[in-house]
Amino acid sequence: MAKQLSIEYAEKKYILEYTRASVRAAENRGLDLSQITAKPGTNVPILISAAFQANHKWLTQDQIDDIIDSIPDREGFIGKLLEMYAEVINELFGVQEGSDKGKKGKWEANF
């Protein structure tokens, strides 16, 4: 199960998570994690929006900004988002423990 983070705002609960599709969309929008501290004004909003995409696609960027502006410890929050995002990336590369368990496909190289 993917890691999730929940936010309560205006008597509503929002479940944030990343999927392969939301990671792909974030990268297509220009997210570059290697530049997260050098260009936070560009990368952090994309990282945050992608976390909402899996379960709350209907939210506008202004609504997401309002929700995020209401939460304390944004540095800790962004750290958790980065951890969640990394989990999906690690899954893509198969570095999660037990990621090969039950897989029936195989590959080989002739070089």
N, C-alpha and C. Protein backbone atom coordinates (compact mmCIF):
# COMPACT_ATOMS: atom_id res chain seq x y z
N MET A 1 0.84 -1.19 0.00
CA MET A 1 0.00 0.00 0.00
C MET A 1 0.88 1.24 0.00
N ALA A 2 0.52 2.19 -0.82
CA ALA A 2 1.26 3.45 -0.92
C ALA A 2 1.10 4.26 0.36
N LYS A 3 2.13 5.01 0.67
CA LYS A 3 2.06 5.90 1.83
C LYS A 3 1.07 7.01 1.52
N GLN A 4 0.31 7.38 2.55
CA GLN A 4 -0.67 8.45 2.40
C GLN A 4 -0.49 9.46 3.53
N LEU A 5 -0.94 10.65 3.27
CA LEU A 5 -0.91 11.73 4.24
C LEU A 5 -2.29 12.38 4.20
N SER A 6 -2.84 12.69 5.34
CA SER A 6 -4.17 13.32 5.33
C SER A 6 -4.09 14.74 5.90
N ILE A 7 -4.94 15.57 5.36
CA ILE A 7 -5.07 16.96 5.81
C ILE A 7 -6.54 17.21 6.08
N GLU A 8 -6.83 17.82 7.21
CA GLU A 8 -8.19 18.27 7.48
C GLU A 8 -8.22 19.78 7.32
N TYR A 9 -9.17 20.23 6.51
CA TYR A 9 -9.29 21.65 6.23
C TYR A 9 -10.75 21.96 5.97
N ALA A 10 -11.26 22.98 6.63
CA ALA A 10 -12.65 23.42 6.45
C ALA A 10 -13.62 22.24 6.57
N GLU A 11 -13.41 21.45 7.62
CA GLU A 11 -14.27 20.31 7.95
C GLU A 11 -14.30 19.24 6.85
N LYS A 12 -13.24 19.19 6.06
CA LYS A 12 -13.12 18.19 5.01
C LYS A 12 -11.77 17.51 5.14
N LYS A 13 -11.72 16.23 4.79
CA LYS A 13 -10.47 15.49 4.86
C LYS A 13 -9.95 15.22 3.45
N TYR A 14 -8.68 15.49 3.26
CA TYR A 14 -8.01 15.28 1.99
C TYR A 14 -6.93 14.22 2.17
N ILE A 15 -6.93 13.23 1.30
CA ILE A 15 -5.94 12.16 1.34
C ILE A 15 -4.95 12.39 0.21
N LEU A 16 -3.70 12.62 0.58
CA LEU A 16 -2.66 12.86 -0.40
C LEU A 16 -1.83 11.60 -0.57
N GLU A 17 -1.48 11.30 -1.81
CA GLU A 17 -0.60 10.19 -2.12
C GLU A 17 -0.07 10.36 -3.53
N TYR A 18 0.92 9.58 -3.85
CA TYR A 18 1.47 9.59 -5.20
C TYR A 18 1.22 8.24 -5.85
N THR A 19 0.93 8.31 -7.14
CA THR A 19 0.79 7.13 -7.96
C THR A 19 1.78 7.28 -9.11
N ARG A 20 1.94 6.23 -9.87
CA ARG A 20 2.82 6.35 -11.04
C ARG A 20 2.31 7.45 -11.97
N ALA A 21 1.00 7.54 -12.11
CA ALA A 21 0.42 8.57 -12.99
C ALA A 21 0.69 9.97 -12.46
N SER A 22 0.56 10.17 -11.16
CA SER A 22 0.78 11.53 -10.63
C SER A 22 2.26 11.90 -10.67
N VAL A 23 3.15 10.92 -10.50
CA VAL A 23 4.58 11.17 -10.61
C VAL A 23 4.92 11.55 -12.06
N ARG A 24 4.37 10.81 -13.00
CA ARG A 24 4.60 11.10 -14.42
C ARG A 24 4.09 12.52 -14.76
N ALA A 25 2.90 12.85 -14.27
CA ALA A 25 2.33 14.18 -14.52
C ALA A 25 3.20 15.27 -13.92
N ALA A 26 3.72 15.04 -12.72
CA ALA A 26 4.59 16.03 -12.07
C ALA A 26 5.86 16.24 -12.88
N GLU A 27 6.43 15.16 -13.37
CA GLU A 27 7.64 15.27 -14.18
C GLU A 27 7.34 15.98 -15.50
N ASN A 28 6.18 15.71 -16.07
CA ASN A 28 5.78 16.40 -17.31
C ASN A 28 5.58 17.89 -17.08
N ARG A 29 5.20 18.26 -15.87
CA ARG A 29 5.02 19.68 -15.53
C ARG A 29 6.34 20.35 -15.19
N GLY A 30 7.43 19.55 -15.11
CA GLY A 30 8.75 20.13 -14.88
C GLY A 30 9.36 19.86 -13.53
N LEU A 31 8.75 19.00 -12.72
CA LEU A 31 9.32 18.71 -11.40
C LEU A 31 10.71 18.11 -11.56
N ASP A 32 11.67 18.69 -10.85
CA ASP A 32 13.05 18.21 -10.85
C ASP A 32 13.51 18.18 -9.40
N LEU A 33 13.48 16.99 -8.79
CA LEU A 33 13.82 16.88 -7.37
C LEU A 33 15.26 17.29 -7.08
N SER A 34 16.13 17.17 -8.06
CA SER A 34 17.52 17.59 -7.83
C SER A 34 17.61 19.11 -7.66
N GLN A 35 16.56 19.82 -8.04
CA GLN A 35 16.52 21.28 -7.93
C GLN A 35 15.53 21.77 -6.86
N ILE A 36 15.08 20.85 -5.99
CA ILE A 36 14.03 21.20 -5.02
C ILE A 36 14.44 22.35 -4.10
N THR A 37 15.72 22.39 -3.67
CA THR A 37 16.15 23.49 -2.81
C THR A 37 16.64 24.69 -3.60
N ALA A 38 17.16 24.45 -4.81
CA ALA A 38 17.64 25.56 -5.64
C ALA A 38 16.48 26.34 -6.27
N LYS A 39 15.40 25.63 -6.59
CA LYS A 39 14.24 26.27 -7.22
C LYS A 39 12.95 25.81 -6.54
N PRO A 40 12.81 26.14 -5.26
CA PRO A 40 11.63 25.69 -4.54
C PRO A 40 10.33 26.33 -5.03
N GLY A 41 10.41 27.54 -5.55
CA GLY A 41 9.21 28.22 -6.03
C GLY A 41 8.58 27.52 -7.22
N THR A 42 9.37 26.80 -7.97
CA THR A 42 8.88 26.03 -9.11
C THR A 42 8.54 24.61 -8.71
N ASN A 43 9.45 23.95 -8.00
CA ASN A 43 9.33 22.52 -7.73
C ASN A 43 8.38 22.16 -6.60
N VAL A 44 8.35 22.92 -5.54
CA VAL A 44 7.48 22.57 -4.40
C VAL A 44 5.99 22.63 -4.78
N PRO A 45 5.50 23.66 -5.48
CA PRO A 45 4.09 23.64 -5.87
C PRO A 45 3.72 22.45 -6.75
N ILE A 46 4.62 22.04 -7.63
CA ILE A 46 4.35 20.87 -8.48
C ILE A 46 4.30 19.61 -7.63
N LEU A 47 5.24 19.48 -6.69
CA LEU A 47 5.27 18.33 -5.78
C LEU A 47 3.97 18.23 -4.99
N ILE A 48 3.51 19.36 -4.47
CA ILE A 48 2.28 19.39 -3.68
C ILE A 48 1.06 19.08 -4.55
N SER A 49 0.94 19.71 -5.70
CA SER A 49 -0.21 19.47 -6.59
C SER A 49 -0.30 18.00 -6.99
N ALA A 50 0.84 17.39 -7.26
CA ALA A 50 0.85 15.98 -7.66
C ALA A 50 0.33 15.08 -6.55
N ALA A 51 0.55 15.46 -5.31
CA ALA A 51 0.07 14.66 -4.17
C ALA A 51 -1.46 14.71 -4.08
N PHE A 52 -2.06 15.80 -4.49
CA PHE A 52 -3.51 15.93 -4.48
C PHE A 52 -4.14 15.22 -5.68
N GLN A 53 -3.39 15.05 -6.75
CA GLN A 53 -3.95 14.56 -8.01
C GLN A 53 -4.59 13.18 -7.90
N ALA A 54 -4.02 12.28 -7.13
CA ALA A 54 -4.54 10.91 -7.08
C ALA A 54 -5.98 10.84 -6.58
N ASN A 55 -6.33 11.65 -5.60
CA ASN A 55 -7.65 11.56 -4.98
C ASN A 55 -8.51 12.82 -5.08
N HIS A 56 -7.93 13.91 -5.54
CA HIS A 56 -8.65 15.19 -5.53
C HIS A 56 -8.35 16.00 -6.80
N LYS A 57 -8.49 15.37 -7.95
CA LYS A 57 -8.17 16.02 -9.23
C LYS A 57 -8.98 17.28 -9.47
N TRP A 58 -10.14 17.35 -8.89
CA TRP A 58 -11.06 18.46 -9.12
C TRP A 58 -10.64 19.75 -8.44
N LEU A 59 -9.67 19.70 -7.52
CA LEU A 59 -9.23 20.92 -6.83
C LEU A 59 -8.42 21.81 -7.76
N THR A 60 -8.66 23.11 -7.67
CA THR A 60 -7.86 24.06 -8.44
C THR A 60 -6.58 24.36 -7.68
N GLN A 61 -5.62 24.97 -8.36
CA GLN A 61 -4.36 25.33 -7.69
C GLN A 61 -4.62 26.32 -6.57
N ASP A 62 -5.56 27.24 -6.76
CA ASP A 62 -5.89 28.20 -5.70
C ASP A 62 -6.44 27.49 -4.46
N GLN A 63 -7.28 26.47 -4.66
CA GLN A 63 -7.82 25.71 -3.53
C GLN A 63 -6.70 24.95 -2.81
N ILE A 64 -5.81 24.35 -3.58
CA ILE A 64 -4.68 23.64 -2.98
C ILE A 64 -3.82 24.61 -2.19
N ASP A 65 -3.55 25.78 -2.75
CA ASP A 65 -2.76 26.79 -2.05
C ASP A 65 -3.41 27.20 -0.73
N ASP A 66 -4.73 27.37 -0.71
CA ASP A 66 -5.44 27.72 0.51
C ASP A 66 -5.28 26.63 1.57
N ILE A 67 -5.41 25.39 1.15
CA ILE A 67 -5.27 24.26 2.08
C ILE A 67 -3.85 24.23 2.65
N ILE A 68 -2.87 24.34 1.78
CA ILE A 68 -1.47 24.28 2.22
C ILE A 68 -1.12 25.47 3.11
N ASP A 69 -1.63 26.64 2.79
CA ASP A 69 -1.35 27.82 3.61
C ASP A 69 -1.90 27.68 5.03
N SER A 70 -2.86 26.78 5.22
CA SER A 70 -3.48 26.63 6.54
C SER A 70 -2.74 25.66 7.46
N ILE A 71 -1.78 24.93 6.93
CA ILE A 71 -1.14 23.90 7.77
C ILE A 71 0.15 24.40 8.40
N PRO A 72 0.42 23.95 9.62
CA PRO A 72 1.68 24.31 10.27
C PRO A 72 2.81 23.37 9.81
N ASP A 73 4.02 23.69 10.15
CA ASP A 73 5.21 22.87 9.88
C ASP A 73 5.28 22.42 8.42
N ARG A 74 5.25 23.39 7.54
CA ARG A 74 5.30 23.05 6.11
C ARG A 74 6.61 22.36 5.72
N GLU A 75 7.68 22.69 6.41
CA GLU A 75 8.95 22.03 6.11
C GLU A 75 8.85 20.53 6.39
N GLY A 76 8.26 20.16 7.52
CA GLY A 76 8.04 18.75 7.83
C GLY A 76 7.08 18.10 6.86
N PHE A 77 6.05 18.84 6.48
CA PHE A 77 5.06 18.36 5.52
C PHE A 77 5.72 18.04 4.17
N ILE A 78 6.54 18.95 3.68
CA ILE A 78 7.21 18.75 2.40
C ILE A 78 8.19 17.58 2.50
N GLY A 79 8.83 17.43 3.65
CA GLY A 79 9.71 16.28 3.85
C GLY A 79 8.96 14.96 3.72
N LYS A 80 7.76 14.90 4.27
CA LYS A 80 6.94 13.69 4.15
C LYS A 80 6.50 13.46 2.70
N LEU A 81 6.17 14.54 2.00
CA LEU A 81 5.82 14.40 0.58
C LEU A 81 6.99 13.83 -0.21
N LEU A 82 8.19 14.32 0.08
CA LEU A 82 9.38 13.81 -0.62
C LEU A 82 9.59 12.32 -0.34
N GLU A 83 9.35 11.92 0.90
CA GLU A 83 9.46 10.51 1.27
C GLU A 83 8.43 9.66 0.51
N MET A 84 7.21 10.17 0.41
CA MET A 84 6.16 9.46 -0.31
C MET A 84 6.50 9.36 -1.80
N TYR A 85 7.00 10.45 -2.36
CA TYR A 85 7.35 10.50 -3.78
C TYR A 85 8.47 9.50 -4.07
N ALA A 86 9.47 9.47 -3.19
CA ALA A 86 10.60 8.56 -3.36
C ALA A 86 10.14 7.10 -3.34
N GLU A 87 9.12 6.80 -2.56
CA GLU A 87 8.62 5.43 -2.51
C GLU A 87 8.13 4.97 -3.88
N VAL A 88 7.44 5.84 -4.60
CA VAL A 88 6.94 5.49 -5.94
C VAL A 88 8.12 5.33 -6.90
N ILE A 89 9.11 6.21 -6.82
CA ILE A 89 10.29 6.11 -7.68
C ILE A 89 11.03 4.81 -7.39
N ASN A 90 11.21 4.48 -6.12
CA ASN A 90 11.88 3.23 -5.76
C ASN A 90 11.12 2.02 -6.26
N GLU A 91 9.81 2.10 -6.22
CA GLU A 91 8.97 1.01 -6.74
C GLU A 91 9.20 0.83 -8.25
N LEU A 92 9.32 1.93 -8.97
CA LEU A 92 9.57 1.86 -10.41
C LEU A 92 10.89 1.16 -10.72
N PHE A 93 11.89 1.40 -9.87
CA PHE A 93 13.20 0.78 -10.06
C PHE A 93 13.30 -0.58 -9.39
N GLY A 94 12.25 -0.99 -8.70
CA GLY A 94 12.25 -2.30 -8.07
C GLY A 94 13.17 -2.42 -6.88
N VAL A 95 13.38 -1.32 -6.16
CA VAL A 95 14.28 -1.38 -5.01
C VAL A 95 13.54 -1.58 -3.68
N GLN A 96 12.24 -1.72 -3.73
CA GLN A 96 11.47 -1.99 -2.52
C GLN A 96 11.70 -3.44 -2.10
N GLU A 97 11.77 -3.67 -0.82
CA GLU A 97 11.93 -5.02 -0.31
C GLU A 97 10.76 -5.89 -0.76
N GLY A 98 11.08 -7.05 -1.35
CA GLY A 98 10.05 -7.97 -1.81
C GLY A 98 9.38 -7.56 -3.11
N SER A 99 9.95 -6.59 -3.82
CA SER A 99 9.29 -6.09 -5.03
C SER A 99 9.23 -7.12 -6.15
N ASP A 100 10.10 -8.13 -6.12
CA ASP A 100 10.08 -9.16 -7.16
C ASP A 100 9.22 -10.35 -6.79
N LYS A 101 8.73 -10.38 -5.58
CA LYS A 101 7.94 -11.51 -5.11
C LYS A 101 6.66 -11.67 -5.94
N GLY A 102 6.45 -12.86 -6.44
CA GLY A 102 5.23 -13.16 -7.18
C GLY A 102 5.21 -12.69 -8.62
N LYS A 103 6.31 -12.11 -9.10
CA LYS A 103 6.33 -11.63 -10.49
C LYS A 103 6.69 -12.79 -11.40
N LYS A 104 5.94 -12.93 -12.46
CA LYS A 104 6.10 -14.07 -13.36
C LYS A 104 6.93 -13.74 -14.60
N GLY A 105 7.13 -12.48 -14.88
CA GLY A 105 7.91 -12.09 -16.05
C GLY A 105 9.40 -12.28 -15.81
N LYS A 106 10.16 -12.29 -16.89
CA LYS A 106 11.61 -12.36 -16.76
C LYS A 106 12.24 -11.59 -17.90
N TRP A 107 13.48 -11.29 -17.76
CA TRP A 107 14.23 -10.62 -18.81
C TRP A 107 15.64 -11.15 -18.82
N GLU A 108 16.30 -11.01 -19.96
CA GLU A 108 17.69 -11.41 -20.08
C GLU A 108 18.35 -10.56 -21.15
N ALA A 109 19.65 -10.45 -21.06
CA ALA A 109 20.43 -9.70 -22.05
C ALA A 109 21.36 -10.68 -22.78
N ASN A 110 21.64 -10.41 -24.03
CA ASN A 110 22.53 -11.28 -24.77
C ASN A 110 23.91 -10.66 -24.95
N PHE A 111 24.27 -9.79 -24.09
CA PHE A 111 25.61 -9.17 -24.16
C PHE A 111 26.31 -9.25 -22.83
